[in-house]
């Protein structure tokens, strides 16, 4: 029995609210960088993360030109989706940042987060999923 998710299942799961972990080669070649992130995704679209322009994560993704993202639900039955693809840097406006913050913190928490963290140095990094890896242990019959 296959534990793999269908295209619809994996895209719906990725679109859910999960803390993701990105993985990317370090820009200095010392090894991979893995960091938890907030992200946005709509089925069929790109994964979007927002970070400071001068962060280690942004520098590593810029140098590598791509990154991986893994999201999971560790509650039984365990499931995960991992995606990997090329990264494109772009501007992120206040409304998109606010949408991400509210996605994870709710309306009041998201508004407070954005008020405490001005927009100035933020960048959007968008990744088009090329490779998918999935598992849904609920499909194992247990």
N, C-alpha and C. Protein backbone atom coordinates (compact mmCIF):
# COMPACT_ATOMS: atom_id res chain seq x y z
N UNK A 1 0.84 -1.18 0.00
CA UNK A 1 0.00 0.00 0.00
C UNK A 1 0.89 1.25 0.00
N UNK A 2 0.59 2.17 -0.88
CA UNK A 2 1.36 3.40 -0.99
C UNK A 2 0.92 4.41 0.08
N UNK A 3 1.90 5.03 0.70
CA UNK A 3 1.62 6.09 1.68
C UNK A 3 1.65 7.47 1.02
N UNK A 4 2.00 7.52 -0.28
CA UNK A 4 2.09 8.80 -0.98
C UNK A 4 0.73 9.48 -1.09
N UNK A 5 0.77 10.79 -0.98
CA UNK A 5 -0.45 11.59 -1.15
C UNK A 5 -0.68 11.85 -2.63
N UNK A 6 -1.93 12.00 -3.00
CA UNK A 6 -2.27 12.42 -4.36
C UNK A 6 -1.87 13.89 -4.52
N UNK A 7 -1.88 14.37 -5.74
CA UNK A 7 -1.56 15.78 -5.99
C UNK A 7 -2.49 16.69 -5.18
N UNK A 8 -3.78 16.42 -5.20
CA UNK A 8 -4.74 17.25 -4.46
C UNK A 8 -4.47 17.18 -2.97
N UNK A 9 -4.22 16.00 -2.44
CA UNK A 9 -3.95 15.84 -1.00
C UNK A 9 -2.70 16.60 -0.58
N UNK A 10 -1.63 16.47 -1.36
CA UNK A 10 -0.38 17.14 -0.98
C UNK A 10 -0.51 18.65 -1.06
N UNK A 11 -1.21 19.15 -2.08
CA UNK A 11 -1.35 20.59 -2.21
C UNK A 11 -2.26 21.16 -1.12
N UNK A 12 -3.32 20.46 -0.76
CA UNK A 12 -4.19 20.90 0.33
C UNK A 12 -3.43 20.89 1.65
N UNK A 13 -2.63 19.84 1.88
CA UNK A 13 -1.85 19.77 3.11
C UNK A 13 -0.84 20.92 3.17
N UNK A 14 -0.12 21.16 2.09
CA UNK A 14 0.86 22.25 2.06
C UNK A 14 0.19 23.60 2.26
N UNK A 15 -1.03 23.76 1.78
CA UNK A 15 -1.76 25.02 1.93
C UNK A 15 -2.23 25.24 3.37
N UNK A 16 -2.25 24.19 4.18
CA UNK A 16 -2.67 24.32 5.58
C UNK A 16 -1.64 25.11 6.38
N UNK A 17 -2.03 25.47 7.59
CA UNK A 17 -1.13 26.23 8.47
C UNK A 17 -0.22 25.27 9.22
N UNK A 18 1.03 25.27 8.84
CA UNK A 18 2.08 24.47 9.48
C UNK A 18 3.31 25.35 9.56
N UNK A 19 4.13 25.15 10.56
CA UNK A 19 5.45 25.78 10.55
C UNK A 19 6.29 24.91 9.64
N UNK A 20 6.92 25.52 8.66
CA UNK A 20 7.77 24.78 7.74
C UNK A 20 9.23 24.87 8.18
N UNK A 21 10.02 23.96 7.70
CA UNK A 21 11.47 24.02 7.91
C UNK A 21 12.11 24.06 6.54
N UNK A 22 12.84 25.16 6.27
CA UNK A 22 13.56 25.23 5.01
C UNK A 22 14.93 24.60 5.20
N UNK A 23 15.45 24.09 4.11
CA UNK A 23 16.79 23.54 4.09
C UNK A 23 17.47 24.06 2.83
N UNK A 24 18.70 24.54 3.01
CA UNK A 24 19.44 25.11 1.88
C UNK A 24 20.93 24.96 2.18
N UNK A 25 21.72 24.84 1.14
CA UNK A 25 23.17 24.78 1.32
C UNK A 25 23.65 26.12 1.88
N UNK A 26 24.53 26.09 2.86
CA UNK A 26 25.09 27.33 3.42
C UNK A 26 25.90 28.05 2.37
N UNK A 27 25.84 29.37 2.40
CA UNK A 27 26.59 30.13 1.40
C UNK A 27 28.09 30.02 1.60
N UNK A 28 28.53 29.64 2.79
CA UNK A 28 29.96 29.51 3.06
C UNK A 28 30.45 28.08 2.91
N UNK A 29 29.58 27.16 2.50
CA UNK A 29 29.97 25.78 2.25
C UNK A 29 30.20 24.94 3.49
N UNK A 30 29.80 25.42 4.67
CA UNK A 30 30.05 24.67 5.90
C UNK A 30 29.01 23.58 6.16
N UNK A 31 27.99 23.52 5.37
CA UNK A 31 26.97 22.49 5.55
C UNK A 31 25.60 23.07 5.32
N UNK A 32 24.57 22.26 5.42
CA UNK A 32 23.21 22.77 5.17
C UNK A 32 22.71 23.65 6.31
N UNK A 33 21.84 24.55 5.95
CA UNK A 33 21.15 25.42 6.91
C UNK A 33 19.70 24.95 6.94
N UNK A 34 19.17 24.66 8.11
CA UNK A 34 17.77 24.28 8.28
C UNK A 34 17.17 25.21 9.32
N UNK A 35 16.07 25.90 8.95
CA UNK A 35 15.47 26.90 9.82
C UNK A 35 13.94 26.85 9.73
N UNK A 36 13.24 26.94 10.87
CA UNK A 36 11.77 27.00 10.81
C UNK A 36 11.31 28.35 10.25
N UNK A 37 10.23 28.32 9.47
CA UNK A 37 9.71 29.53 8.84
C UNK A 37 8.19 29.50 8.77
N UNK A 38 7.62 30.69 8.69
CA UNK A 38 6.24 30.83 8.27
C UNK A 38 6.26 30.86 6.74
N UNK A 39 5.21 30.38 6.13
CA UNK A 39 5.16 30.38 4.67
C UNK A 39 3.72 30.53 4.22
N UNK A 40 3.54 30.89 2.98
CA UNK A 40 2.23 30.94 2.35
C UNK A 40 2.25 30.07 1.11
N UNK A 41 1.10 29.44 0.81
CA UNK A 41 0.99 28.61 -0.38
C UNK A 41 -0.48 28.47 -0.76
N UNK A 42 -0.74 28.57 -2.05
CA UNK A 42 -2.06 28.24 -2.61
C UNK A 42 -1.86 27.13 -3.63
N UNK A 43 -2.72 26.11 -3.63
CA UNK A 43 -2.54 25.00 -4.57
C UNK A 43 -2.26 25.48 -6.00
N UNK A 44 -1.22 24.87 -6.58
CA UNK A 44 -0.82 25.22 -7.94
C UNK A 44 0.12 26.41 -8.04
N UNK A 45 0.36 27.08 -6.91
CA UNK A 45 1.18 28.29 -6.94
C UNK A 45 2.58 28.08 -6.39
N UNK A 46 3.16 29.18 -5.96
CA UNK A 46 4.50 29.16 -5.39
C UNK A 46 4.43 29.20 -3.87
N UNK A 47 5.44 28.66 -3.23
CA UNK A 47 5.61 28.79 -1.78
C UNK A 47 6.28 30.13 -1.56
N UNK A 48 5.77 30.92 -0.62
CA UNK A 48 6.35 32.23 -0.32
C UNK A 48 6.79 32.29 1.12
N UNK A 49 8.02 32.73 1.32
CA UNK A 49 8.50 33.05 2.67
C UNK A 49 8.93 34.50 2.66
N UNK A 50 8.97 35.10 3.82
CA UNK A 50 9.41 36.47 3.99
C UNK A 50 10.52 36.48 5.03
N UNK A 51 11.58 37.18 4.72
CA UNK A 51 12.70 37.27 5.65
C UNK A 51 13.45 38.56 5.42
N UNK A 52 14.33 38.90 6.33
CA UNK A 52 15.16 40.08 6.15
C UNK A 52 16.14 39.87 5.01
N UNK A 53 16.39 40.92 4.24
CA UNK A 53 17.30 40.84 3.09
C UNK A 53 18.69 40.35 3.45
N UNK A 54 19.16 40.69 4.63
CA UNK A 54 20.53 40.40 5.01
C UNK A 54 20.66 39.24 5.99
N UNK A 55 19.63 38.40 6.08
CA UNK A 55 19.71 37.25 6.99
C UNK A 55 20.57 36.15 6.37
N UNK A 56 21.06 35.29 7.22
CA UNK A 56 21.84 34.13 6.75
C UNK A 56 21.01 33.29 5.79
N UNK A 57 19.74 33.12 6.10
CA UNK A 57 18.85 32.32 5.26
C UNK A 57 18.69 32.93 3.88
N UNK A 58 18.48 34.24 3.81
CA UNK A 58 18.34 34.90 2.50
C UNK A 58 19.63 34.80 1.69
N UNK A 59 20.76 35.01 2.34
CA UNK A 59 22.06 34.92 1.63
C UNK A 59 22.29 33.51 1.10
N UNK A 60 21.95 32.50 1.92
CA UNK A 60 22.15 31.11 1.49
C UNK A 60 21.24 30.76 0.32
N UNK A 61 19.98 31.18 0.36
CA UNK A 61 19.05 30.88 -0.73
C UNK A 61 19.48 31.61 -2.00
N UNK A 62 19.92 32.85 -1.86
CA UNK A 62 20.39 33.61 -3.02
C UNK A 62 21.58 32.90 -3.66
N UNK A 63 22.53 32.43 -2.85
CA UNK A 63 23.72 31.75 -3.37
C UNK A 63 23.36 30.42 -4.04
N UNK A 64 22.44 29.67 -3.42
CA UNK A 64 22.07 28.35 -3.94
C UNK A 64 21.09 28.43 -5.11
N UNK A 65 20.25 29.47 -5.09
CA UNK A 65 19.25 29.61 -6.14
C UNK A 65 18.03 28.73 -5.96
N UNK A 66 17.97 28.01 -4.85
CA UNK A 66 16.85 27.12 -4.58
C UNK A 66 16.85 26.74 -3.11
N UNK A 67 15.74 26.15 -2.66
CA UNK A 67 15.66 25.63 -1.29
C UNK A 67 14.60 24.55 -1.21
N UNK A 68 14.61 23.86 -0.11
CA UNK A 68 13.59 22.84 0.19
C UNK A 68 12.76 23.32 1.37
N UNK A 69 11.52 22.88 1.42
CA UNK A 69 10.63 23.17 2.54
C UNK A 69 9.96 21.87 2.94
N UNK A 70 9.95 21.57 4.23
CA UNK A 70 9.26 20.39 4.74
C UNK A 70 8.26 20.85 5.79
N UNK A 71 7.04 20.37 5.66
CA UNK A 71 6.00 20.63 6.66
C UNK A 71 5.44 19.29 7.10
N UNK A 72 5.03 19.23 8.36
CA UNK A 72 4.55 17.95 8.87
C UNK A 72 3.43 18.14 9.87
N UNK A 73 2.72 17.05 10.09
CA UNK A 73 1.77 16.93 11.18
C UNK A 73 2.26 15.73 11.98
N UNK A 74 2.80 15.99 13.16
CA UNK A 74 3.38 14.90 13.95
C UNK A 74 2.36 14.15 14.79
N UNK A 75 1.11 14.60 14.76
CA UNK A 75 0.06 13.86 15.47
C UNK A 75 -0.30 12.62 14.67
N UNK A 76 -0.50 11.50 15.35
CA UNK A 76 -0.89 10.29 14.62
C UNK A 76 -2.21 10.51 13.89
N UNK A 77 -2.36 10.00 12.71
CA UNK A 77 -1.33 9.35 11.91
C UNK A 77 -0.42 10.41 11.25
N UNK A 78 0.86 10.28 11.46
CA UNK A 78 1.88 11.20 10.98
C UNK A 78 1.77 11.41 9.47
N UNK A 79 2.02 12.64 9.02
CA UNK A 79 2.08 12.92 7.59
C UNK A 79 3.02 14.09 7.34
N UNK A 80 3.56 14.15 6.14
CA UNK A 80 4.43 15.26 5.78
C UNK A 80 4.39 15.50 4.28
N UNK A 81 4.79 16.73 3.92
CA UNK A 81 5.01 17.12 2.52
C UNK A 81 6.33 17.87 2.49
N UNK A 82 7.19 17.49 1.56
CA UNK A 82 8.44 18.21 1.33
C UNK A 82 8.46 18.63 -0.14
N UNK A 83 8.86 19.86 -0.38
CA UNK A 83 8.95 20.38 -1.74
C UNK A 83 10.32 21.03 -1.93
N UNK A 84 10.78 21.02 -3.17
CA UNK A 84 12.07 21.62 -3.49
C UNK A 84 11.95 22.26 -4.86
N UNK A 85 12.60 23.43 -5.01
CA UNK A 85 12.56 24.10 -6.30
C UNK A 85 13.35 25.38 -6.31
N UNK A 86 13.36 26.04 -7.48
CA UNK A 86 14.12 27.28 -7.65
C UNK A 86 13.47 28.44 -6.89
N UNK A 87 14.33 29.35 -6.45
CA UNK A 87 13.86 30.50 -5.66
C UNK A 87 14.01 31.78 -6.46
N UNK A 88 13.01 32.64 -6.33
CA UNK A 88 13.03 33.95 -6.96
C UNK A 88 12.80 34.99 -5.86
N UNK A 89 13.66 35.99 -5.81
CA UNK A 89 13.54 37.06 -4.82
C UNK A 89 12.70 38.18 -5.40
N UNK A 90 11.90 38.81 -4.55
CA UNK A 90 11.07 39.93 -4.96
C UNK A 90 10.68 40.78 -3.77
N UNK A 91 9.98 41.81 -4.07
CA UNK A 91 9.49 42.71 -3.02
C UNK A 91 8.29 42.06 -2.33
N UNK A 92 8.09 42.46 -1.08
CA UNK A 92 6.91 42.03 -0.35
C UNK A 92 6.28 43.27 0.25
N UNK A 93 5.00 43.46 0.00
CA UNK A 93 4.35 44.66 0.52
C UNK A 93 3.76 44.39 1.91
N UNK A 94 3.33 45.45 2.54
CA UNK A 94 2.80 45.35 3.90
C UNK A 94 1.61 44.39 3.98
N UNK A 95 0.72 44.44 3.00
CA UNK A 95 -0.47 43.58 3.02
C UNK A 95 -0.11 42.10 2.96
N UNK A 96 0.89 41.74 2.16
CA UNK A 96 1.29 40.34 2.09
C UNK A 96 1.96 39.90 3.39
N UNK A 97 2.80 40.76 3.96
CA UNK A 97 3.42 40.46 5.25
C UNK A 97 2.36 40.31 6.33
N UNK A 98 1.37 41.21 6.32
CA UNK A 98 0.29 41.15 7.30
C UNK A 98 -0.50 39.85 7.14
N UNK A 99 -0.76 39.44 5.90
CA UNK A 99 -1.46 38.18 5.66
C UNK A 99 -0.72 36.98 6.24
N UNK A 100 0.60 36.95 6.07
CA UNK A 100 1.41 35.87 6.63
C UNK A 100 1.37 35.89 8.16
N UNK A 101 1.53 37.08 8.74
CA UNK A 101 1.52 37.20 10.20
C UNK A 101 0.17 36.78 10.77
N UNK A 102 -0.91 37.21 10.14
CA UNK A 102 -2.25 36.84 10.62
C UNK A 102 -2.51 35.34 10.44
N UNK A 103 -1.95 34.74 9.41
CA UNK A 103 -2.10 33.30 9.17
C UNK A 103 -1.59 32.51 10.38
N UNK A 104 -0.50 32.97 10.97
CA UNK A 104 0.12 32.25 12.08
C UNK A 104 -0.25 32.77 13.46
N UNK A 105 -0.60 34.04 13.56
CA UNK A 105 -0.82 34.64 14.88
C UNK A 105 -2.24 35.13 15.12
N UNK A 106 -3.12 34.97 14.11
CA UNK A 106 -4.47 35.52 14.24
C UNK A 106 -4.45 37.02 13.94
N UNK A 107 -5.63 37.62 13.91
CA UNK A 107 -5.72 39.03 13.53
C UNK A 107 -4.98 39.95 14.49
N UNK A 108 -5.30 39.88 15.77
CA UNK A 108 -4.67 40.79 16.74
C UNK A 108 -3.17 40.53 16.84
N UNK A 109 -2.78 39.28 16.93
CA UNK A 109 -1.36 38.95 17.03
C UNK A 109 -0.60 39.34 15.78
N UNK A 110 -1.19 39.11 14.61
CA UNK A 110 -0.55 39.49 13.35
C UNK A 110 -0.39 40.98 13.23
N UNK A 111 -1.43 41.73 13.61
CA UNK A 111 -1.34 43.19 13.56
C UNK A 111 -0.25 43.70 14.49
N UNK A 112 -0.17 43.13 15.69
CA UNK A 112 0.86 43.54 16.65
C UNK A 112 2.26 43.19 16.14
N UNK A 113 2.41 42.03 15.53
CA UNK A 113 3.71 41.62 15.01
C UNK A 113 4.19 42.59 13.92
N UNK A 114 3.31 42.94 13.00
CA UNK A 114 3.69 43.85 11.91
C UNK A 114 4.00 45.24 12.46
N UNK A 115 3.22 45.70 13.44
CA UNK A 115 3.48 47.01 14.04
C UNK A 115 4.86 47.05 14.71
N UNK A 116 5.26 45.92 15.31
CA UNK A 116 6.54 45.85 16.02
C UNK A 116 7.72 45.57 15.10
N UNK A 117 7.44 45.14 13.86
CA UNK A 117 8.48 44.77 12.90
C UNK A 117 8.27 45.50 11.58
N UNK A 118 8.76 46.72 11.47
CA UNK A 118 8.55 47.52 10.26
C UNK A 118 9.04 46.81 8.99
N UNK A 119 8.45 47.16 7.87
CA UNK A 119 8.68 46.51 6.58
C UNK A 119 10.07 46.66 5.99
N UNK A 120 10.75 47.71 6.23
CA UNK A 120 11.97 48.12 5.56
C UNK A 120 12.87 47.11 4.91
N UNK A 121 13.32 46.11 5.64
CA UNK A 121 14.36 45.24 5.11
C UNK A 121 13.86 43.87 4.69
N UNK A 122 12.56 43.69 4.56
CA UNK A 122 12.00 42.38 4.23
C UNK A 122 11.99 42.12 2.72
N UNK A 123 12.13 40.86 2.37
CA UNK A 123 12.09 40.42 0.99
C UNK A 123 11.20 39.18 0.92
N UNK A 124 10.53 39.00 -0.21
CA UNK A 124 9.76 37.78 -0.45
C UNK A 124 10.64 36.83 -1.24
N UNK A 125 10.64 35.57 -0.85
CA UNK A 125 11.34 34.54 -1.60
C UNK A 125 10.28 33.53 -2.01
N UNK A 126 10.13 33.37 -3.32
CA UNK A 126 9.09 32.49 -3.84
C UNK A 126 9.74 31.28 -4.53
N UNK A 127 9.23 30.11 -4.16
CA UNK A 127 9.77 28.88 -4.71
C UNK A 127 8.67 28.13 -5.45
N UNK A 128 8.94 27.79 -6.69
CA UNK A 128 8.02 26.98 -7.46
C UNK A 128 8.36 25.52 -7.23
N UNK A 129 7.47 24.75 -6.59
CA UNK A 129 7.77 23.34 -6.32
C UNK A 129 8.04 22.56 -7.60
N UNK A 130 9.20 21.91 -7.64
CA UNK A 130 9.55 21.03 -8.77
C UNK A 130 9.53 19.57 -8.33
N UNK A 131 9.99 19.31 -7.13
CA UNK A 131 10.02 17.94 -6.61
C UNK A 131 9.20 17.87 -5.34
N UNK A 132 8.44 16.81 -5.23
CA UNK A 132 7.58 16.58 -4.08
C UNK A 132 7.93 15.24 -3.43
N UNK A 133 7.88 15.20 -2.13
CA UNK A 133 8.00 13.96 -1.37
C UNK A 133 6.92 14.02 -0.31
N UNK A 134 6.11 12.96 -0.21
CA UNK A 134 4.99 12.98 0.73
C UNK A 134 4.81 11.63 1.40
N UNK A 135 4.17 11.66 2.54
CA UNK A 135 3.74 10.43 3.20
C UNK A 135 2.55 10.75 4.08
N UNK A 136 1.59 9.86 4.10
CA UNK A 136 0.42 9.95 4.96
C UNK A 136 0.23 8.57 5.58
N UNK A 137 0.66 8.44 6.83
CA UNK A 137 0.60 7.14 7.50
C UNK A 137 -0.83 6.74 7.85
N UNK A 138 -1.79 7.63 7.66
CA UNK A 138 -3.19 7.27 7.80
C UNK A 138 -3.62 6.30 6.71
N UNK A 139 -2.86 6.28 5.61
CA UNK A 139 -3.17 5.37 4.49
C UNK A 139 -2.69 3.96 4.78
N UNK A 140 -1.98 3.77 5.89
CA UNK A 140 -1.47 2.44 6.23
C UNK A 140 -2.54 1.59 6.90
N UNK A 141 -3.73 2.18 7.09
CA UNK A 141 -4.82 1.42 7.67
C UNK A 141 -4.88 1.49 9.19
N UNK A 142 -4.10 2.40 9.76
CA UNK A 142 -4.07 2.46 11.21
C UNK A 142 -4.46 3.77 11.70
